[in-house]
Amino acid sequence: MDHHTEQPIIEYQALAELRYQIRHFLRFSEQIARSIGVEPQHYQMLLAIKGLPSERIPTIGELAERLQLQHNSTVELINRMTEHGLIEKQRNEHDQRQILISITSQGEYILQKLAFSHREELQIIGPKFLRALEAILLPENLL
């Protein structure tokens, strides 16, 4: 016997809606990046570097964690982005074993352009996303 109580259909609908809204936003993000000639992962890396909490440092390991990528995949991505002039690598002055990643002025320009488009899209889909999230977190609001 299953010891879990059956979830009301409305909770499944809310979970499905939330997943749909996330996928919708991610697809928008991929399309808008490609429309200006940037790979979606390049935008994600730029955003991860720029948006890193102040107590964290932009090492390969930290960025791999932020993007949920394997270390070697992160190294390959960083190398490609360095070749495209979007980011730079330098050794940490305090720990020569660490390589720090920073955004170039070209990378900053692309990040700013894409972040603006993402903000506009979030203003449109944000309310739907919030409703789906509230339906999951606050199911009593649905009654």
Protein backbone atom coordinates (compact mmCIF):
# COMPACT_ATOMS: atom_id res chain seq x y z
CA MET A 1 0.00 0.00 0.00
CA ASP A 2 1.11 3.52 -0.74
CA HIS A 3 1.31 5.50 2.48
CA HIS A 4 1.20 8.87 0.70
CA THR A 5 -2.10 10.61 0.44
CA GLU A 6 -3.26 11.29 -3.09
CA GLN A 7 -2.45 14.82 -4.20
CA PRO A 8 -5.35 16.86 -5.51
CA ILE A 9 -5.24 17.28 -9.31
CA ILE A 10 -4.86 21.03 -8.84
CA GLU A 11 -1.42 20.49 -7.25
CA TYR A 12 -0.28 18.46 -10.27
CA GLN A 13 -1.61 21.21 -12.50
CA ALA A 14 0.32 23.81 -10.50
CA LEU A 15 3.54 21.78 -10.73
CA ALA A 16 3.03 21.29 -14.46
CA GLU A 17 2.34 25.01 -14.92
CA LEU A 18 5.45 25.99 -12.98
CA ARG A 19 7.59 23.63 -15.07
CA TYR A 20 6.01 25.00 -18.24
CA GLN A 21 6.75 28.61 -17.21
CA ILE A 22 10.37 27.72 -16.39
CA ARG A 23 10.83 25.95 -19.74
CA HIS A 24 9.11 28.84 -21.55
CA PHE A 25 11.52 31.33 -19.98
CA LEU A 26 14.58 29.16 -20.67
CA ARG A 27 13.55 28.73 -24.30
CA PHE A 28 13.09 32.50 -24.62
CA SER A 29 16.55 32.94 -23.09
CA GLU A 30 18.13 30.51 -25.57
CA GLN A 31 16.41 32.17 -28.54
CA ILE A 32 17.26 35.75 -27.57
CA ALA A 33 20.94 34.83 -26.99
CA ARG A 34 21.18 33.11 -30.38
CA SER A 35 19.43 36.05 -32.07
CA ILE A 36 22.42 38.28 -31.22
CA GLY A 37 24.97 35.60 -32.10
CA VAL A 38 25.75 34.27 -28.62
CA GLU A 39 25.45 30.70 -27.41
CA PRO A 40 22.95 30.37 -24.53
CA GLN A 41 25.68 28.91 -22.28
CA HIS A 42 27.82 31.99 -22.93
CA TYR A 43 25.05 34.22 -21.56
CA GLN A 44 24.56 31.88 -18.61
CA MET A 45 28.29 32.03 -17.81
CA LEU A 46 28.39 35.83 -18.09
CA LEU A 47 25.39 36.08 -15.78
CA ALA A 48 26.92 33.59 -13.32
CA ILE A 49 30.12 35.65 -13.13
CA LYS A 50 28.39 39.03 -12.84
CA GLY A 51 25.74 37.79 -10.42
CA LEU A 52 28.07 35.86 -8.13
CA PRO A 53 27.43 36.64 -4.44
CA SER A 54 30.10 39.06 -3.16
CA GLU A 55 31.59 36.51 -0.75
CA ARG A 56 32.25 34.04 -3.61
CA ILE A 57 35.13 34.26 -6.09
CA PRO A 58 34.81 33.43 -9.81
CA THR A 59 36.93 30.29 -9.98
CA ILE A 60 36.32 27.48 -12.44
CA GLY A 61 34.97 25.27 -9.63
CA GLU A 62 32.58 27.94 -8.38
CA LEU A 63 31.27 28.64 -11.88
CA ALA A 64 30.90 24.91 -12.59
CA GLU A 65 28.71 24.69 -9.49
CA ARG A 66 26.69 27.77 -10.45
CA LEU A 67 26.00 26.39 -13.93
CA GLN A 68 25.65 22.80 -12.70
CA LEU A 69 28.29 21.63 -15.18
CA GLN A 70 31.14 19.16 -14.89
CA HIS A 71 34.55 20.74 -14.28
CA ASN A 72 35.91 19.75 -17.71
CA SER A 73 32.80 21.11 -19.48
CA THR A 74 33.26 24.39 -17.62
CA VAL A 75 36.91 24.58 -18.67
CA GLU A 76 35.91 23.99 -22.33
CA LEU A 77 33.20 26.68 -22.11
CA ILE A 78 35.61 29.16 -20.53
CA ASN A 79 38.22 28.45 -23.21
CA ARG A 80 35.68 29.03 -26.01
CA MET A 81 34.47 32.25 -24.40
CA THR A 82 38.05 33.47 -23.93
CA GLU A 83 38.68 32.85 -27.66
CA HIS A 84 35.56 34.92 -28.44
CA GLY A 85 36.82 37.75 -26.23
CA LEU A 86 33.93 37.56 -23.75
CA ILE A 87 35.92 36.66 -20.64
CA GLU A 88 39.51 36.63 -19.39
CA LYS A 89 41.47 34.25 -17.17
CA GLN A 90 44.12 35.30 -14.66
CA ARG A 91 45.86 33.72 -11.71
CA ASN A 92 44.68 34.66 -8.23
CA GLU A 93 47.32 36.92 -6.63
CA HIS A 94 46.69 35.32 -3.23
CA ASP A 95 46.61 31.71 -4.46
CA GLN A 96 48.56 31.03 -7.65
CA ARG A 97 46.82 27.65 -8.06
CA GLN A 98 43.48 29.38 -8.63
CA ILE A 99 42.41 30.81 -11.96
CA LEU A 100 39.95 33.68 -11.73
CA ILE A 101 37.50 34.47 -14.51
CA SER A 102 36.40 38.01 -15.35
CA ILE A 103 34.19 39.57 -18.01
CA THR A 104 35.69 41.70 -20.80
CA SER A 105 34.08 44.93 -22.00
CA GLN A 106 32.64 43.01 -24.98
CA GLY A 107 31.19 40.44 -22.57
CA GLU A 108 29.73 43.25 -20.43
CA TYR A 109 28.04 44.76 -23.49
CA ILE A 110 26.45 41.44 -24.46
CA LEU A 111 25.40 40.71 -20.88
CA GLN A 112 23.77 44.12 -20.50
CA LYS A 113 21.89 43.74 -23.78
CA LEU A 114 20.61 40.26 -22.92
CA ALA A 115 19.79 41.08 -19.29
CA PHE A 116 17.57 43.95 -20.49
CA SER A 117 15.65 41.59 -22.81
CA HIS A 118 15.29 39.04 -20.02
CA ARG A 119 13.95 41.69 -17.64
CA GLU A 120 11.32 42.69 -20.22
CA GLU A 121 10.27 39.07 -20.72
CA LEU A 122 10.05 38.48 -16.97
CA GLN A 123 7.73 41.45 -16.64
CA ILE A 124 5.40 39.66 -19.06
CA ILE A 125 5.62 36.09 -17.74
CA GLY A 126 6.49 36.89 -14.13
CA PRO A 127 2.88 37.07 -12.89
CA LYS A 128 2.10 33.63 -14.42
CA PHE A 129 5.25 32.20 -12.85
CA LEU A 130 4.34 33.66 -9.45
CA ARG A 131 0.78 32.29 -9.64
CA ALA A 132 2.11 28.81 -10.40
CA LEU A 133 4.64 29.02 -7.57
CA GLU A 134 2.03 30.31 -5.11
CA ALA A 135 -0.31 27.47 -6.07
CA ILE A 136 2.41 25.02 -5.01
CA LEU A 137 3.64 26.82 -1.91
CA LEU A 138 0.28 28.16 -0.73
CA PRO A 139 -2.29 25.60 -1.89
CA GLU A 140 -4.87 26.95 0.57
CA ASN A 141 -5.16 30.01 -1.74
CA LEU A 142 -6.68 27.74 -4.36
CA LEU A 143 -9.66 26.74 -2.27
